[in-house]
């Protein structure tokens, strides 16, 4: 195979002044697999740990049902607005109708889910995550 980085002619002025480094001529620039030092926690090992899997499972058991429930609720609102205009325009009091109350309740539901998640994260997720972090802490400057 032909090495395209080497030229057979005289070096250009940019090469002789040091303004343009040669890309493939320096053997020391090529990283060797055994010399690379990784710093910090071993994230792959943490992901395989039973504590992390439990944490991830607990997170999913909260988030997926909440997300699906809210999506179904939102979809029901859209379908009612599109196909049940008679029901949605039913007056409740004054100029406020059922559609306006259901639309407003979308915002209330979003705020409630956010508050529930913050409470859930504070009680369930954050202590477990802190425990996993503490178990896998690497002292500063220590190669792994």
N, C-alpha and C. Protein backbone atom coordinates (compact mmCIF):
# COMPACT_ATOMS: atom_id res chain seq x y z
N UNK A 1 0.84 -1.17 0.00
CA UNK A 1 0.00 0.00 0.00
C UNK A 1 0.89 1.24 0.00
N UNK A 2 0.49 2.23 -0.72
CA UNK A 2 1.27 3.45 -0.86
C UNK A 2 0.98 4.39 0.30
N UNK A 3 2.02 4.94 0.91
CA UNK A 3 1.87 5.88 2.01
C UNK A 3 1.68 7.27 1.42
N UNK A 4 0.49 7.81 1.52
CA UNK A 4 0.20 9.10 0.91
C UNK A 4 0.73 10.27 1.72
N UNK A 5 1.16 10.03 2.94
CA UNK A 5 1.65 11.12 3.78
C UNK A 5 3.07 11.52 3.42
N UNK A 6 3.84 10.62 2.83
CA UNK A 6 5.23 10.93 2.49
C UNK A 6 5.31 11.42 1.05
N UNK A 7 6.14 12.42 0.86
CA UNK A 7 6.34 12.94 -0.49
C UNK A 7 7.77 12.61 -0.92
N UNK A 8 7.97 12.49 -2.21
CA UNK A 8 9.30 12.15 -2.71
C UNK A 8 10.11 13.40 -3.03
N UNK A 9 9.46 14.52 -3.24
CA UNK A 9 10.17 15.76 -3.62
C UNK A 9 10.65 16.52 -2.40
N UNK A 10 11.12 17.73 -2.66
CA UNK A 10 11.59 18.62 -1.60
C UNK A 10 10.42 19.02 -0.71
N UNK A 11 10.68 19.20 0.59
CA UNK A 11 9.60 19.64 1.48
C UNK A 11 9.18 21.07 1.15
N UNK A 12 7.94 21.35 1.35
CA UNK A 12 7.42 22.69 1.09
C UNK A 12 7.89 23.64 2.19
N UNK A 13 7.86 24.95 1.95
CA UNK A 13 8.27 25.90 2.99
C UNK A 13 7.44 25.76 4.27
N UNK A 14 6.18 25.44 4.15
CA UNK A 14 5.35 25.28 5.34
C UNK A 14 5.83 24.10 6.18
N UNK A 15 6.33 23.05 5.53
CA UNK A 15 6.83 21.89 6.26
C UNK A 15 8.15 22.18 6.96
N UNK A 16 9.02 22.93 6.35
CA UNK A 16 10.33 23.21 6.93
C UNK A 16 10.27 24.24 8.05
N UNK A 17 9.27 25.11 8.05
CA UNK A 17 9.17 26.13 9.11
C UNK A 17 8.48 25.60 10.35
N UNK A 18 7.93 24.44 10.28
CA UNK A 18 7.24 23.88 11.43
C UNK A 18 5.80 24.34 11.54
N UNK A 19 5.32 25.04 10.54
CA UNK A 19 3.95 25.54 10.57
C UNK A 19 2.93 24.44 10.26
N UNK A 20 3.36 23.38 9.60
CA UNK A 20 2.45 22.31 9.24
C UNK A 20 3.06 20.99 9.70
N UNK A 21 2.56 20.38 10.76
CA UNK A 21 3.15 19.14 11.25
C UNK A 21 2.83 17.97 10.32
N UNK A 22 3.76 17.05 10.23
CA UNK A 22 3.52 15.85 9.46
C UNK A 22 2.52 14.99 10.22
N UNK A 23 1.55 14.47 9.51
CA UNK A 23 0.46 13.76 10.18
C UNK A 23 0.78 12.31 10.50
N UNK A 24 1.57 11.65 9.66
CA UNK A 24 1.74 10.21 9.83
C UNK A 24 3.17 9.78 10.07
N UNK A 25 4.11 10.69 10.23
CA UNK A 25 5.51 10.32 10.36
C UNK A 25 5.95 10.04 11.79
N UNK A 26 5.23 10.47 12.79
CA UNK A 26 5.67 10.35 14.17
C UNK A 26 5.08 9.11 14.82
N UNK A 27 5.92 8.17 15.15
CA UNK A 27 5.46 6.94 15.78
C UNK A 27 4.97 7.21 17.20
N UNK A 28 5.54 8.22 17.89
CA UNK A 28 5.12 8.50 19.26
C UNK A 28 3.72 9.11 19.32
N UNK A 29 3.22 9.63 18.21
CA UNK A 29 1.89 10.23 18.20
C UNK A 29 0.80 9.16 18.15
N UNK A 30 1.18 7.94 17.78
CA UNK A 30 0.19 6.86 17.71
C UNK A 30 0.00 6.28 19.10
N UNK A 31 -1.22 6.31 19.64
CA UNK A 31 -1.42 5.76 20.99
C UNK A 31 -1.27 4.25 21.00
N UNK A 32 -0.62 3.76 22.03
CA UNK A 32 -0.50 2.31 22.19
C UNK A 32 -1.59 1.83 23.13
N UNK A 33 -2.19 0.68 22.85
CA UNK A 33 -3.32 0.23 23.65
C UNK A 33 -2.99 0.02 25.12
N UNK A 34 -1.80 -0.41 25.45
CA UNK A 34 -1.46 -0.71 26.83
C UNK A 34 -1.12 0.52 27.67
N UNK A 35 -0.83 1.64 27.03
CA UNK A 35 -0.37 2.82 27.75
C UNK A 35 -1.49 3.78 28.13
N UNK A 36 -2.68 3.60 27.57
CA UNK A 36 -3.77 4.52 27.85
C UNK A 36 -4.30 4.32 29.26
N UNK A 37 -4.40 5.41 30.00
CA UNK A 37 -4.90 5.35 31.37
C UNK A 37 -6.27 6.01 31.41
N UNK A 38 -7.21 5.29 31.96
CA UNK A 38 -8.56 5.80 32.08
C UNK A 38 -8.75 6.30 33.50
N UNK A 39 -9.33 7.46 33.64
CA UNK A 39 -9.57 8.04 34.97
C UNK A 39 -11.07 8.05 35.23
N UNK A 40 -11.42 7.93 36.49
CA UNK A 40 -12.82 8.02 36.88
C UNK A 40 -13.45 6.65 37.07
N UNK A 41 -14.73 6.65 37.39
CA UNK A 41 -15.42 5.39 37.66
C UNK A 41 -15.56 4.53 36.40
N UNK A 42 -15.71 3.26 36.60
CA UNK A 42 -15.95 2.33 35.51
C UNK A 42 -17.46 2.27 35.28
N UNK A 43 -17.95 3.07 34.33
CA UNK A 43 -19.38 3.21 34.12
C UNK A 43 -20.01 1.92 33.60
N UNK A 44 -19.28 1.15 32.84
CA UNK A 44 -19.83 -0.12 32.35
C UNK A 44 -20.06 -1.09 33.50
N UNK A 45 -19.14 -1.12 34.44
CA UNK A 45 -19.30 -1.99 35.61
C UNK A 45 -20.48 -1.50 36.46
N UNK A 46 -20.62 -0.19 36.60
CA UNK A 46 -21.73 0.35 37.38
C UNK A 46 -23.06 -0.03 36.73
N UNK A 47 -23.14 0.05 35.41
CA UNK A 47 -24.38 -0.30 34.72
C UNK A 47 -24.73 -1.77 34.88
N UNK A 48 -23.74 -2.61 35.03
CA UNK A 48 -23.99 -4.05 35.20
C UNK A 48 -24.32 -4.41 36.65
N UNK A 49 -24.12 -3.50 37.58
CA UNK A 49 -24.31 -3.82 39.00
C UNK A 49 -25.79 -3.98 39.33
N UNK A 50 -26.11 -4.86 40.30
CA UNK A 50 -27.51 -5.05 40.69
C UNK A 50 -28.13 -3.79 41.28
N UNK A 51 -27.34 -2.96 41.96
CA UNK A 51 -27.88 -1.73 42.53
C UNK A 51 -28.35 -0.77 41.44
N UNK A 52 -27.55 -0.64 40.39
CA UNK A 52 -27.92 0.27 39.30
C UNK A 52 -29.12 -0.28 38.54
N UNK A 53 -29.14 -1.59 38.31
CA UNK A 53 -30.28 -2.18 37.62
C UNK A 53 -31.57 -1.99 38.42
N UNK A 54 -31.46 -2.12 39.74
CA UNK A 54 -32.62 -1.89 40.59
C UNK A 54 -33.07 -0.44 40.51
N UNK A 55 -32.11 0.47 40.53
CA UNK A 55 -32.43 1.90 40.42
C UNK A 55 -33.11 2.21 39.09
N UNK A 56 -32.56 1.68 38.03
CA UNK A 56 -33.14 1.91 36.71
C UNK A 56 -34.54 1.30 36.60
N UNK A 57 -34.71 0.11 37.15
CA UNK A 57 -36.02 -0.53 37.14
C UNK A 57 -37.05 0.26 37.92
N UNK A 58 -36.65 0.79 39.07
CA UNK A 58 -37.57 1.59 39.88
C UNK A 58 -37.94 2.88 39.15
N UNK A 59 -36.98 3.48 38.49
CA UNK A 59 -37.24 4.69 37.70
C UNK A 59 -38.26 4.39 36.59
N UNK A 60 -38.04 3.31 35.89
CA UNK A 60 -38.94 2.95 34.78
C UNK A 60 -40.35 2.61 35.28
N UNK A 61 -40.43 1.97 36.44
CA UNK A 61 -41.76 1.63 36.98
C UNK A 61 -42.55 2.87 37.36
N UNK A 62 -41.88 3.97 37.61
CA UNK A 62 -42.58 5.22 37.88
C UNK A 62 -42.86 6.00 36.60
N UNK A 63 -41.83 6.18 35.78
CA UNK A 63 -41.91 7.08 34.64
C UNK A 63 -42.80 6.54 33.52
N UNK A 64 -42.67 5.28 33.17
CA UNK A 64 -43.45 4.76 32.05
C UNK A 64 -44.95 4.81 32.30
N UNK A 65 -45.46 4.32 33.44
CA UNK A 65 -46.91 4.44 33.66
C UNK A 65 -47.39 5.89 33.70
N UNK A 66 -46.61 6.78 34.31
CA UNK A 66 -47.00 8.20 34.34
C UNK A 66 -47.05 8.78 32.93
N UNK A 67 -46.05 8.47 32.13
CA UNK A 67 -46.01 8.98 30.76
C UNK A 67 -47.16 8.44 29.93
N UNK A 68 -47.42 7.15 30.04
CA UNK A 68 -48.52 6.55 29.29
C UNK A 68 -49.85 7.11 29.76
N UNK A 69 -50.02 7.23 31.07
CA UNK A 69 -51.26 7.79 31.60
C UNK A 69 -51.51 9.21 31.12
N UNK A 70 -50.48 10.04 31.15
CA UNK A 70 -50.65 11.41 30.70
C UNK A 70 -50.91 11.47 29.21
N UNK A 71 -50.24 10.62 28.43
CA UNK A 71 -50.46 10.62 26.99
C UNK A 71 -51.90 10.21 26.67
N UNK A 72 -52.40 9.20 27.36
CA UNK A 72 -53.79 8.77 27.14
C UNK A 72 -54.75 9.90 27.52
N UNK A 73 -54.50 10.56 28.63
CA UNK A 73 -55.33 11.68 29.07
C UNK A 73 -55.30 12.80 28.04
N UNK A 74 -54.12 13.13 27.52
CA UNK A 74 -54.01 14.19 26.52
C UNK A 74 -54.71 13.77 25.23
N UNK A 75 -54.53 12.54 24.80
CA UNK A 75 -55.16 12.04 23.59
C UNK A 75 -56.68 12.05 23.73
N UNK A 76 -57.19 11.68 24.92
CA UNK A 76 -58.64 11.73 25.16
C UNK A 76 -59.16 13.16 25.02
N UNK A 77 -58.40 14.12 25.53
CA UNK A 77 -58.80 15.52 25.42
C UNK A 77 -58.86 15.95 23.94
N UNK A 78 -57.85 15.57 23.17
CA UNK A 78 -57.81 15.94 21.75
C UNK A 78 -58.96 15.28 20.99
N UNK A 79 -59.21 14.01 21.26
CA UNK A 79 -60.29 13.29 20.58
C UNK A 79 -61.64 13.91 20.95
N UNK A 80 -61.84 14.21 22.23
CA UNK A 80 -63.09 14.86 22.64
C UNK A 80 -63.26 16.21 21.96
N UNK A 81 -62.17 16.97 21.87
CA UNK A 81 -62.25 18.28 21.22
C UNK A 81 -62.58 18.15 19.73
N UNK A 82 -62.09 17.09 19.10
CA UNK A 82 -62.32 16.91 17.67
C UNK A 82 -63.68 16.30 17.36
N UNK A 83 -64.12 15.34 18.18
CA UNK A 83 -65.32 14.58 17.82
C UNK A 83 -66.51 14.76 18.76
N UNK A 84 -66.33 15.38 19.89
CA UNK A 84 -67.44 15.58 20.83
C UNK A 84 -67.60 17.05 21.14
N UNK A 85 -67.76 17.83 20.09
CA UNK A 85 -67.84 19.28 20.29
C UNK A 85 -69.08 19.66 21.09
N UNK A 86 -70.14 18.89 20.98
CA UNK A 86 -71.34 19.17 21.77
C UNK A 86 -71.07 19.03 23.26
N UNK A 87 -70.37 17.96 23.63
CA UNK A 87 -70.02 17.75 25.03
C UNK A 87 -69.03 18.80 25.52
N UNK A 88 -68.03 19.10 24.72
CA UNK A 88 -66.99 20.04 25.12
C UNK A 88 -67.55 21.47 25.25
N UNK A 89 -68.59 21.78 24.50
CA UNK A 89 -69.16 23.13 24.57
C UNK A 89 -70.27 23.25 25.60
N UNK A 90 -70.49 22.22 26.40
CA UNK A 90 -71.51 22.28 27.45
C UNK A 90 -71.10 23.32 28.49
N UNK A 91 -71.97 24.31 28.73
CA UNK A 91 -71.62 25.34 29.72
C UNK A 91 -71.59 24.77 31.14
N UNK A 92 -70.61 25.22 31.93
CA UNK A 92 -70.51 24.81 33.32
C UNK A 92 -70.96 25.97 34.20
N UNK A 93 -70.39 27.14 34.00
CA UNK A 93 -70.84 28.36 34.66
C UNK A 93 -70.39 29.55 33.83
N UNK A 94 -71.22 30.50 33.67
CA UNK A 94 -70.90 31.68 32.88
C UNK A 94 -70.49 31.31 31.47
N UNK A 95 -69.35 31.82 31.03
CA UNK A 95 -68.82 31.51 29.70
C UNK A 95 -67.84 30.33 29.72
N UNK A 96 -67.68 29.69 30.86
CA UNK A 96 -66.75 28.57 31.00
C UNK A 96 -67.48 27.28 30.63
N UNK A 97 -66.88 26.51 29.73
CA UNK A 97 -67.50 25.25 29.32
C UNK A 97 -66.60 24.07 29.71
N UNK A 98 -67.07 22.85 29.42
CA UNK A 98 -66.34 21.63 29.77
C UNK A 98 -64.97 21.60 29.09
N UNK A 99 -64.90 21.99 27.82
CA UNK A 99 -63.63 21.99 27.09
C UNK A 99 -62.58 22.88 27.74
N UNK A 100 -63.00 24.04 28.23
CA UNK A 100 -62.06 24.94 28.90
C UNK A 100 -61.55 24.33 30.20
N UNK A 101 -62.44 23.71 30.95
CA UNK A 101 -62.02 23.08 32.21
C UNK A 101 -61.09 21.90 31.97
N UNK A 102 -61.40 21.09 30.95
CA UNK A 102 -60.52 19.96 30.64
C UNK A 102 -59.17 20.45 30.13
N UNK A 103 -59.17 21.52 29.34
CA UNK A 103 -57.90 22.10 28.85
C UNK A 103 -57.07 22.64 30.01
N UNK A 104 -57.71 23.33 30.93
CA UNK A 104 -57.00 23.83 32.11
C UNK A 104 -56.48 22.68 32.97
N UNK A 105 -57.26 21.62 33.04
CA UNK A 105 -56.81 20.48 33.85
C UNK A 105 -55.58 19.79 33.26
N UNK A 106 -55.30 20.01 31.97
CA UNK A 106 -54.05 19.49 31.39
C UNK A 106 -52.85 20.14 32.08
N UNK A 107 -52.94 21.43 32.33
CA UNK A 107 -51.86 22.13 33.02
C UNK A 107 -51.76 21.68 34.47
N UNK A 108 -52.90 21.50 35.10
CA UNK A 108 -52.91 21.05 36.49
C UNK A 108 -52.30 19.65 36.59
N UNK A 109 -52.64 18.78 35.64
CA UNK A 109 -52.09 17.42 35.62
C UNK A 109 -50.58 17.45 35.43
N UNK A 110 -50.10 18.30 34.55
CA UNK A 110 -48.66 18.41 34.32
C UNK A 110 -47.94 18.85 35.60
N UNK A 111 -48.49 19.83 36.28
CA UNK A 111 -47.88 20.30 37.53
C UNK A 111 -47.91 19.21 38.59
N UNK A 112 -49.01 18.45 38.66
CA UNK A 112 -49.13 17.37 39.65
C UNK A 112 -48.12 16.26 39.38
N UNK A 113 -47.97 15.89 38.12
CA UNK A 113 -47.00 14.84 37.77
C UNK A 113 -45.58 15.32 38.09
N UNK A 114 -45.29 16.57 37.82
CA UNK A 114 -43.97 17.12 38.15
C UNK A 114 -43.71 17.06 39.64
N UNK A 115 -44.70 17.47 40.43
CA UNK A 115 -44.56 17.44 41.89
C UNK A 115 -44.39 16.01 42.39
N UNK A 116 -45.15 15.07 41.83
CA UNK A 116 -45.01 13.66 42.22
C UNK A 116 -43.62 13.13 41.88
N UNK A 117 -43.11 13.50 40.70
CA UNK A 117 -41.79 13.02 40.33
C UNK A 117 -40.71 13.61 41.22
N UNK A 118 -40.79 14.88 41.55
CA UNK A 118 -39.79 15.49 42.43
C UNK A 118 -39.80 14.78 43.78
N UNK A 119 -40.98 14.52 44.31
CA UNK A 119 -41.09 13.81 45.59
C UNK A 119 -40.52 12.39 45.48
N UNK A 120 -40.86 11.71 44.40
CA UNK A 120 -40.36 10.36 44.15
C UNK A 120 -38.83 10.36 44.04
N UNK A 121 -38.29 11.31 43.28
CA UNK A 121 -36.83 11.37 43.10
C UNK A 121 -36.13 11.67 44.42
N UNK A 122 -36.69 12.58 45.20
CA UNK A 122 -36.08 12.93 46.50
C UNK A 122 -36.07 11.74 47.45
N UNK A 123 -37.13 10.96 47.45
CA UNK A 123 -37.26 9.85 48.41
C UNK A 123 -36.63 8.55 47.93
N UNK A 124 -36.77 8.27 46.65
CA UNK A 124 -36.37 6.96 46.12
C UNK A 124 -35.07 7.00 45.32
N UNK A 125 -35.00 7.90 44.34
CA UNK A 125 -33.90 7.86 43.38
C UNK A 125 -32.61 8.46 43.91
N UNK A 126 -32.69 9.64 44.49
CA UNK A 126 -31.49 10.35 44.91
C UNK A 126 -30.69 9.58 45.98
N UNK A 127 -31.34 9.01 47.02
CA UNK A 127 -30.54 8.26 47.99
C UNK A 127 -29.85 7.03 47.38
N UNK A 128 -30.55 6.33 46.50
CA UNK A 128 -29.95 5.16 45.84
C UNK A 128 -28.81 5.57 44.92
N UNK A 129 -29.00 6.64 44.19
CA UNK A 129 -27.94 7.12 43.29
C UNK A 129 -26.72 7.58 44.10
N UNK A 130 -26.95 8.23 45.22
CA UNK A 130 -25.83 8.66 46.07
C UNK A 130 -25.07 7.45 46.62
N UNK A 131 -25.80 6.41 46.95
CA UNK A 131 -25.15 5.19 47.45
C UNK A 131 -24.29 4.54 46.36
N UNK A 132 -24.81 4.48 45.15
CA UNK A 132 -24.04 3.92 44.03
C UNK A 132 -22.81 4.77 43.76
N UNK A 133 -22.99 6.10 43.79
CA UNK A 133 -21.85 7.01 43.58
C UNK A 133 -20.78 6.79 44.65
N UNK A 134 -21.21 6.65 45.90
CA UNK A 134 -20.25 6.48 47.00
C UNK A 134 -19.50 5.15 46.88
N UNK A 135 -20.19 4.11 46.46
CA UNK A 135 -19.55 2.79 46.30
C UNK A 135 -18.53 2.78 45.18
N UNK A 136 -18.73 3.60 44.19
CA UNK A 136 -17.86 3.59 43.00
C UNK A 136 -16.98 4.82 42.90
N UNK A 137 -16.83 5.54 43.98
CA UNK A 137 -16.00 6.75 43.95
C UNK A 137 -14.54 6.38 43.74
N UNK A 138 -13.88 7.17 42.93
CA UNK A 138 -12.45 7.00 42.67
C UNK A 138 -11.76 8.23 43.21
N UNK A 139 -10.76 8.05 44.08
CA UNK A 139 -10.04 9.23 44.59
C UNK A 139 -9.48 10.06 43.45
N UNK A 140 -9.48 11.36 43.61
CA UNK A 140 -9.03 12.30 42.60
C UNK A 140 -7.58 11.99 42.20
N UNK A 141 -7.34 11.91 40.89
CA UNK A 141 -6.00 11.69 40.38
C UNK A 141 -5.55 10.25 40.34
N UNK A 142 -6.40 9.32 40.78
CA UNK A 142 -6.04 7.91 40.77
C UNK A 142 -6.40 7.29 39.44
N UNK A 143 -5.43 6.75 38.69
CA UNK A 143 -5.79 6.08 37.44
C UNK A 143 -6.48 4.76 37.74
N UNK A 144 -7.38 4.41 36.85
CA UNK A 144 -8.11 3.17 37.06
C UNK A 144 -7.67 2.14 36.07
